[in-house]
Amino acid sequence: MTDELKLTIDSAMTGRIDKELAHHLTDISRSQLQKWIEDGNVTVNGEKVKPKYKLVVGDRVVVQPKKPQKIDLEPENIPLDIVYEDDDVIVVNKPQGMVVHPAPGHPNHTLVNALLYHSPLSTINGEFRPGIVHRIDKDTSGLLMIAKNDLAHRSLAAQLKAKTNEREYVALVHGVIKEERGTIDAPLGRSKKDRKKQAVVEDGRHAVTHFKVLELFQHYTLVSCRLETGRTHQIRVHMKYIGHPLAGDPLYGPRKTLPGNGQYLHARLLGFKHPRTGKQMTFTSPLPEYFQKMIDHLEKTDRPS
């Protein structure tokens, strides 16, 4: 969407403005619309509103899309750890420290720049996120599925929406988790105290994380986390919410934490049905060296007493 949009609300669109606009503007994500609303790019009867504003019949809504900062997206010859590839999909093992796609302030040296050098990609997600069906944070390592064409992209995105794919992460968290396993069902949205952060908020988006304890230390716990939903920073925020923030996390963790280059979080398992054949495919990735070294260190120095 690039042009200004004007709507007069009828009885079919009465509800939360972010939800109703997301249904109407199918090429714009609800999270993007929420940001536009918060930034004043969406007005109701000439006034700024909040994403939870309830539309009523007769409201006049104006949507003025933000003009994206110009970025020259260039293919770059950056080595890739490709776990699987065919004519439709690529499964790549992203290293810690690599940004997934370009954005203002980070126009190059991303996974997308590397992928464009390697292969054609789908176009559904626009100019700056070709091929990207889902993302992981810069300092999170592990498996991502990439669409090489639009047919594959639609199929993989539909599986994410239907929650039929598999995504499992390994995380090292502060504190000792007493339960062997558990489920965190808490809605997530932008923090009202710090716009750079996500938080558990009453009017947030549905988010569910299942965790299982893998190994206990004296001051830390190694867990696996399976995602039912894929919200921004979901595992990092959910684990902090139950009192066990990720070790090394510069945004959600405590000041005193383990040394490293960011949170100890690795996407180790990815499963989906092949978009063309329908065959179930599952891929795994071992912990990267920096992560495994920390586990080895804790096994020697932080054993439960």
Protein backbone atom coordinates (compact mmCIF):
# COMPACT_ATOMS: atom_id res chain seq x y z
CA MET A 1 0.00 0.00 0.00
CA THR A 2 1.48 3.33 -1.08
CA ASP A 3 -1.44 5.78 -1.46
CA GLU A 4 -3.61 7.49 1.13
CA LEU A 5 -6.77 5.55 1.95
CA LYS A 6 -10.04 7.05 3.22
CA LEU A 7 -12.80 4.90 4.74
CA THR A 8 -16.21 5.60 6.22
CA ILE A 9 -17.03 2.86 8.70
CA ASP A 10 -20.18 0.80 8.22
CA SER A 11 -21.68 -1.88 10.46
CA ALA A 12 -19.40 -4.56 9.00
CA MET A 13 -16.25 -2.86 10.32
CA THR A 14 -17.15 -2.01 13.92
CA GLY A 15 -14.43 -3.34 16.20
CA ARG A 16 -10.83 -2.63 17.15
CA ILE A 17 -9.29 -0.37 14.53
CA ASP A 18 -6.07 -2.39 14.18
CA LYS A 19 -7.97 -5.65 13.73
CA GLU A 20 -10.54 -4.25 11.29
CA LEU A 21 -7.93 -2.50 9.15
CA ALA A 22 -5.82 -5.68 9.07
CA HIS A 23 -8.84 -7.54 7.65
CA HIS A 24 -9.41 -4.78 5.09
CA LEU A 25 -5.77 -4.21 4.10
CA THR A 26 -4.63 -7.78 3.55
CA ASP A 27 -1.15 -6.79 2.31
CA ILE A 28 -0.31 -4.98 5.57
CA SER A 29 0.39 -6.85 8.79
CA ARG A 30 -1.52 -6.02 11.95
CA SER A 31 1.72 -5.15 13.75
CA GLN A 32 2.62 -2.69 10.98
CA LEU A 33 -0.83 -1.12 11.21
CA GLN A 34 -0.48 -0.82 14.98
CA LYS A 35 2.77 1.08 14.48
CA TRP A 36 1.15 3.38 11.91
CA ILE A 37 -1.71 4.05 14.35
CA GLU A 38 0.68 4.76 17.24
CA ASP A 39 2.77 7.06 15.03
CA GLY A 40 -0.26 9.06 13.90
CA ASN A 41 -0.36 7.79 10.32
CA VAL A 42 -3.94 6.61 10.91
CA THR A 43 -6.57 9.08 12.12
CA VAL A 44 -10.25 8.79 12.99
CA ASN A 45 -12.37 11.89 12.39
CA GLY A 46 -9.14 13.86 12.13
CA GLU A 47 -7.82 12.70 15.52
CA LYS A 48 -5.07 10.29 16.59
CA VAL A 49 -6.30 7.12 18.29
CA LYS A 50 -4.83 4.02 19.90
CA PRO A 51 -4.74 0.56 18.24
CA LYS A 52 -7.48 -0.65 20.61
CA TYR A 53 -9.89 2.15 19.59
CA LYS A 54 -13.33 0.68 18.82
CA LEU A 55 -14.69 1.90 15.50
CA VAL A 56 -18.31 2.99 15.28
CA VAL A 57 -20.60 3.45 12.29
CA GLY A 58 -19.87 6.76 10.57
CA ASP A 59 -16.25 7.11 11.71
CA ARG A 60 -14.04 8.60 9.00
CA VAL A 61 -10.69 6.82 8.88
CA VAL A 62 -7.68 8.11 6.96
CA VAL A 63 -4.62 5.89 6.48
CA GLN A 64 -1.44 7.61 5.30
CA PRO A 65 1.28 4.98 4.77
CA LYS A 66 4.77 5.88 5.86
CA LYS A 67 7.11 6.46 2.97
CA PRO A 68 9.93 3.96 3.40
CA GLN A 69 13.47 5.27 3.51
CA LYS A 70 15.16 4.46 0.24
CA ILE A 71 17.45 1.45 0.50
CA ASP A 72 19.48 0.10 -2.39
CA LEU A 73 19.16 -3.63 -1.94
CA GLU A 74 22.29 -5.24 -3.36
CA PRO A 75 23.21 -8.91 -3.60
CA GLU A 76 26.33 -9.64 -1.54
CA ASN A 77 28.69 -12.57 -1.74
CA ILE A 78 28.36 -13.61 1.92
CA PRO A 79 28.82 -17.30 2.80
CA LEU A 80 25.62 -19.12 3.76
CA ASP A 81 25.14 -22.26 5.86
CA ILE A 82 22.49 -23.93 3.69
CA VAL A 83 20.92 -27.00 5.33
CA TYR A 84 18.56 -27.81 2.44
CA GLU A 85 17.66 -26.36 -0.95
CA ASP A 86 15.48 -27.21 -3.95
CA ASP A 87 13.60 -25.19 -6.59
CA ASP A 88 11.08 -23.90 -4.04
CA VAL A 89 12.66 -23.52 -0.62
CA ILE A 90 15.93 -22.92 1.17
CA VAL A 91 16.53 -23.85 4.79
CA VAL A 92 19.41 -21.78 6.14
CA ASN A 93 21.22 -21.87 9.47
CA LYS A 94 21.62 -18.18 10.39
CA PRO A 95 24.62 -17.25 12.54
CA GLN A 96 24.34 -15.08 15.63
CA GLY A 97 24.92 -11.42 14.79
CA MET A 98 23.38 -11.45 11.28
CA VAL A 99 20.31 -9.29 10.62
CA VAL A 100 17.65 -11.11 8.57
CA HIS A 101 16.60 -8.31 6.20
CA PRO A 102 17.56 -4.70 5.42
CA ALA A 103 15.91 -1.80 7.21
CA PRO A 104 16.64 1.88 7.72
CA GLY A 105 19.89 2.05 9.64
CA HIS A 106 20.97 -1.41 8.48
CA PRO A 107 20.80 -1.45 4.66
CA ASN A 108 23.29 -4.21 3.90
CA HIS A 109 25.28 -7.25 5.08
CA THR A 110 21.98 -9.02 5.92
CA LEU A 111 20.77 -12.54 5.24
CA VAL A 112 18.61 -11.20 2.39
CA ASN A 113 21.64 -9.58 0.72
CA ALA A 114 23.42 -12.94 0.89
CA LEU A 115 20.38 -14.87 -0.38
CA LEU A 116 19.89 -12.55 -3.36
CA TYR A 117 23.44 -13.29 -4.49
CA HIS A 118 22.70 -17.00 -4.21
CA SER A 119 19.20 -17.38 -5.69
CA PRO A 120 15.97 -15.73 -6.92
CA LEU A 121 13.49 -15.19 -4.10
CA SER A 122 9.73 -14.73 -3.67
CA THR A 123 8.32 -11.22 -4.07
CA ILE A 124 5.29 -11.32 -1.74
CA ASN A 125 6.96 -9.56 1.19
CA GLY A 126 8.04 -6.62 -0.92
CA GLU A 127 11.35 -5.11 -1.94
CA PHE A 128 13.23 -5.38 1.34
CA ARG A 129 12.09 -8.80 2.59
CA PRO A 130 12.14 -11.04 -0.51
CA GLY A 131 11.85 -14.69 0.39
CA ILE A 132 11.41 -14.03 4.11
CA VAL A 133 8.48 -15.98 5.55
CA HIS A 134 9.47 -15.67 9.23
CA ARG A 135 12.31 -14.02 11.12
CA ILE A 136 14.56 -14.50 14.10
CA ASP A 137 16.37 -11.74 15.96
CA LYS A 138 19.85 -10.57 14.98
CA ASP A 139 21.50 -12.24 17.99
CA THR A 140 19.42 -15.43 17.78
CA SER A 141 20.99 -18.20 15.71
CA GLY A 142 19.42 -21.10 13.89
CA LEU A 143 17.06 -22.35 11.22
CA LEU A 144 14.92 -20.27 8.88
CA MET A 145 12.79 -21.33 5.90
CA ILE A 146 13.14 -19.14 2.81
CA ALA A 147 10.74 -19.07 -0.16
CA LYS A 148 12.30 -19.00 -3.62
CA ASN A 149 9.00 -18.25 -5.39
CA ASP A 150 5.54 -16.91 -4.58
CA LEU A 151 3.86 -20.33 -4.64
CA ALA A 152 6.21 -21.54 -1.93
CA HIS A 153 5.81 -18.32 0.04
CA ARG A 154 2.02 -18.56 0.14
CA SER A 155 2.15 -22.18 1.30
CA LEU A 156 4.75 -21.62 4.02
CA ALA A 157 2.99 -18.48 5.27
CA ALA A 158 -0.33 -20.35 5.42
CA GLN A 159 1.30 -23.09 7.51
CA LEU A 160 2.60 -20.48 9.95
CA LYS A 161 -0.84 -18.93 10.23
CA ALA A 162 -2.49 -22.33 10.74
CA LYS A 163 0.19 -23.30 13.31
CA THR A 164 0.92 -26.57 11.52
CA ASN A 165 4.66 -26.04 11.23
CA GLU A 166 7.22 -26.96 13.90
CA ARG A 167 9.62 -24.50 15.53
CA GLU A 168 11.72 -25.45 18.51
CA TYR A 169 14.39 -23.33 20.18
CA VAL A 170 17.01 -23.97 22.84
CA ALA A 171 17.42 -21.21 25.42
CA LEU A 172 19.67 -20.72 28.43
CA VAL A 173 17.80 -18.80 31.12
CA HIS A 174 18.55 -17.31 34.52
CA GLY A 175 17.39 -19.17 37.61
CA VAL A 176 16.32 -22.73 38.31
CA ILE A 177 12.98 -23.80 36.83
CA LYS A 178 11.36 -26.29 39.20
CA GLU A 179 8.73 -27.64 36.79
CA GLU A 180 9.84 -30.19 34.17
CA ARG A 181 7.66 -28.50 31.55
CA GLY A 182 5.05 -25.80 31.23
CA THR A 183 3.06 -23.52 28.94
CA ILE A 184 3.11 -19.74 28.89
CA ASP A 185 -0.11 -18.30 27.47
CA ALA A 186 0.17 -14.51 27.74
CA PRO A 187 -0.69 -11.82 25.15
CA LEU A 188 2.19 -9.74 23.78
CA GLY A 189 2.35 -6.19 22.48
CA ARG A 190 4.50 -3.09 22.54
CA SER A 191 5.60 -2.09 26.04
CA LYS A 192 3.82 0.98 27.36
CA LYS A 193 6.97 1.94 29.28
CA ASP A 194 9.59 1.43 26.57
CA ARG A 195 8.66 1.47 22.86
CA LYS A 196 11.78 -0.53 22.00
CA LYS A 197 10.48 -3.49 23.99
CA GLN A 198 7.65 -5.96 23.78
CA ALA A 199 5.75 -6.92 26.93
CA VAL A 200 2.87 -8.97 28.25
CA VAL A 201 -0.06 -6.57 27.87
CA GLU A 202 -3.77 -7.09 28.39
CA ASP A 203 -4.73 -5.98 24.87
CA GLY A 204 -1.81 -7.72 23.16
CA ARG A 205 -1.81 -10.44 20.51
CA HIS A 206 -2.39 -14.07 21.49
CA ALA A 207 0.95 -15.77 22.21
CA VAL A 208 1.74 -19.28 23.46
CA THR A 209 5.13 -20.83 24.28
CA HIS A 210 5.63 -24.41 25.53
CA PHE A 211 8.87 -25.07 27.43
CA LYS A 212 10.67 -28.17 28.68
CA VAL A 213 13.67 -28.32 31.00
CA LEU A 214 16.71 -29.94 29.37
CA GLU A 215 19.40 -29.40 32.01
CA LEU A 216 19.63 -27.76 35.43
CA PHE A 217 22.57 -25.79 36.75
CA GLN A 218 23.00 -24.00 40.06
CA HIS A 219 22.05 -20.59 38.70
CA TYR A 220 20.75 -21.30 35.18
CA THR A 221 18.41 -23.66 33.31
CA LEU A 222 18.70 -24.97 29.77
CA VAL A 223 15.25 -25.28 28.18
CA SER A 224 13.66 -26.11 24.85
CA CYS A 225 10.82 -23.86 23.71
CA ARG A 226 8.20 -24.77 21.12
CA LEU A 227 6.26 -21.93 19.56
CA GLU A 228 2.54 -22.04 18.90
CA THR A 229 2.63 -18.43 17.74
CA GLY A 230 5.46 -16.31 16.39
CA ARG A 231 5.29 -12.88 18.01
CA THR A 232 8.19 -10.44 18.12
CA HIS A 233 10.66 -11.42 20.88
CA GLN A 234 8.15 -14.02 22.08
CA ILE A 235 10.48 -16.43 23.89
CA ARG A 236 12.56 -13.61 25.36
CA VAL A 237 9.51 -11.81 26.78
CA HIS A 238 7.63 -14.93 27.90
CA MET A 239 10.60 -16.35 29.80
CA LYS A 240 11.19 -13.01 31.49
CA TYR A 241 7.48 -12.90 32.37
CA ILE A 242 7.79 -16.13 34.40
CA GLY A 243 10.93 -14.85 36.12
CA HIS A 244 13.56 -16.56 33.97
CA PRO A 245 15.01 -14.06 31.45
CA LEU A 246 17.43 -15.34 28.83
CA ALA A 247 21.12 -15.30 29.71
CA GLY A 248 23.03 -12.69 27.75
CA ASP A 249 19.88 -10.83 26.67
CA PRO A 250 20.80 -7.11 26.43
CA LEU A 251 17.16 -5.97 26.17
CA TYR A 252 15.21 -8.15 28.60
CA GLY A 253 17.86 -9.73 30.81
CA PRO A 254 19.49 -8.49 34.01
CA ARG A 255 22.64 -6.39 33.92
CA LYS A 256 24.65 -9.14 35.56
CA THR A 257 24.53 -12.01 33.10
CA LEU A 258 26.74 -14.37 31.13
CA PRO A 259 29.29 -12.87 28.73
CA GLY A 260 28.66 -13.13 25.01
CA ASN A 261 27.25 -11.27 22.02
CA GLY A 262 23.57 -11.43 22.91
CA GLN A 263 20.92 -13.82 24.16
CA TYR A 264 21.64 -17.55 24.33
CA LEU A 265 18.84 -18.61 21.98
CA HIS A 266 19.09 -21.02 19.06
CA ALA A 267 16.41 -22.19 16.62
CA ARG A 268 17.37 -25.86 16.50
CA LEU A 269 14.36 -27.53 14.85
CA LEU A 270 12.18 -26.52 11.92
CA GLY A 271 9.43 -28.59 10.33
CA PHE A 272 6.97 -27.87 7.52
CA LYS A 273 5.17 -29.49 4.61
CA HIS A 274 6.89 -28.98 1.29
CA PRO A 275 4.88 -26.34 -0.63
CA ARG A 276 4.82 -28.35 -3.85
CA THR A 277 4.91 -32.03 -2.84
CA GLY A 278 3.16 -31.84 0.53
CA LYS A 279 5.87 -34.05 2.07
CA GLN A 280 6.61 -33.41 5.75
CA MET A 281 10.16 -32.10 6.15
CA THR A 282 12.04 -31.67 9.43
CA PHE A 283 15.48 -30.14 9.94
CA THR A 284 17.70 -29.79 12.99
CA SER A 285 20.75 -27.72 13.79
CA PRO A 286 23.25 -28.36 16.59
CA LEU A 287 24.07 -25.63 19.07
CA PRO A 288 26.65 -23.21 17.65
CA GLU A 289 30.14 -23.33 19.11
CA TYR A 290 29.77 -20.28 21.38
CA PHE A 291 26.60 -21.73 22.92
CA GLN A 292 28.00 -25.23 23.42
CA LYS A 293 31.15 -23.83 25.02
CA MET A 294 29.03 -21.97 27.57
CA ILE A 295 27.08 -25.16 28.39
CA ASP A 296 30.37 -27.05 28.81
CA HIS A 297 31.64 -24.28 31.09
CA LEU A 298 28.50 -24.34 33.26
CA GLU A 299 28.64 -28.12 33.55
CA LYS A 300 32.07 -27.70 35.17
CA THR A 301 31.49 -24.57 37.26
CA ASP A 302 27.77 -24.25 38.00
CA ARG A 303 26.63 -27.75 38.93
CA PRO A 304 23.73 -27.94 41.44
CA SER A 305 25.01 -28.41 44.98
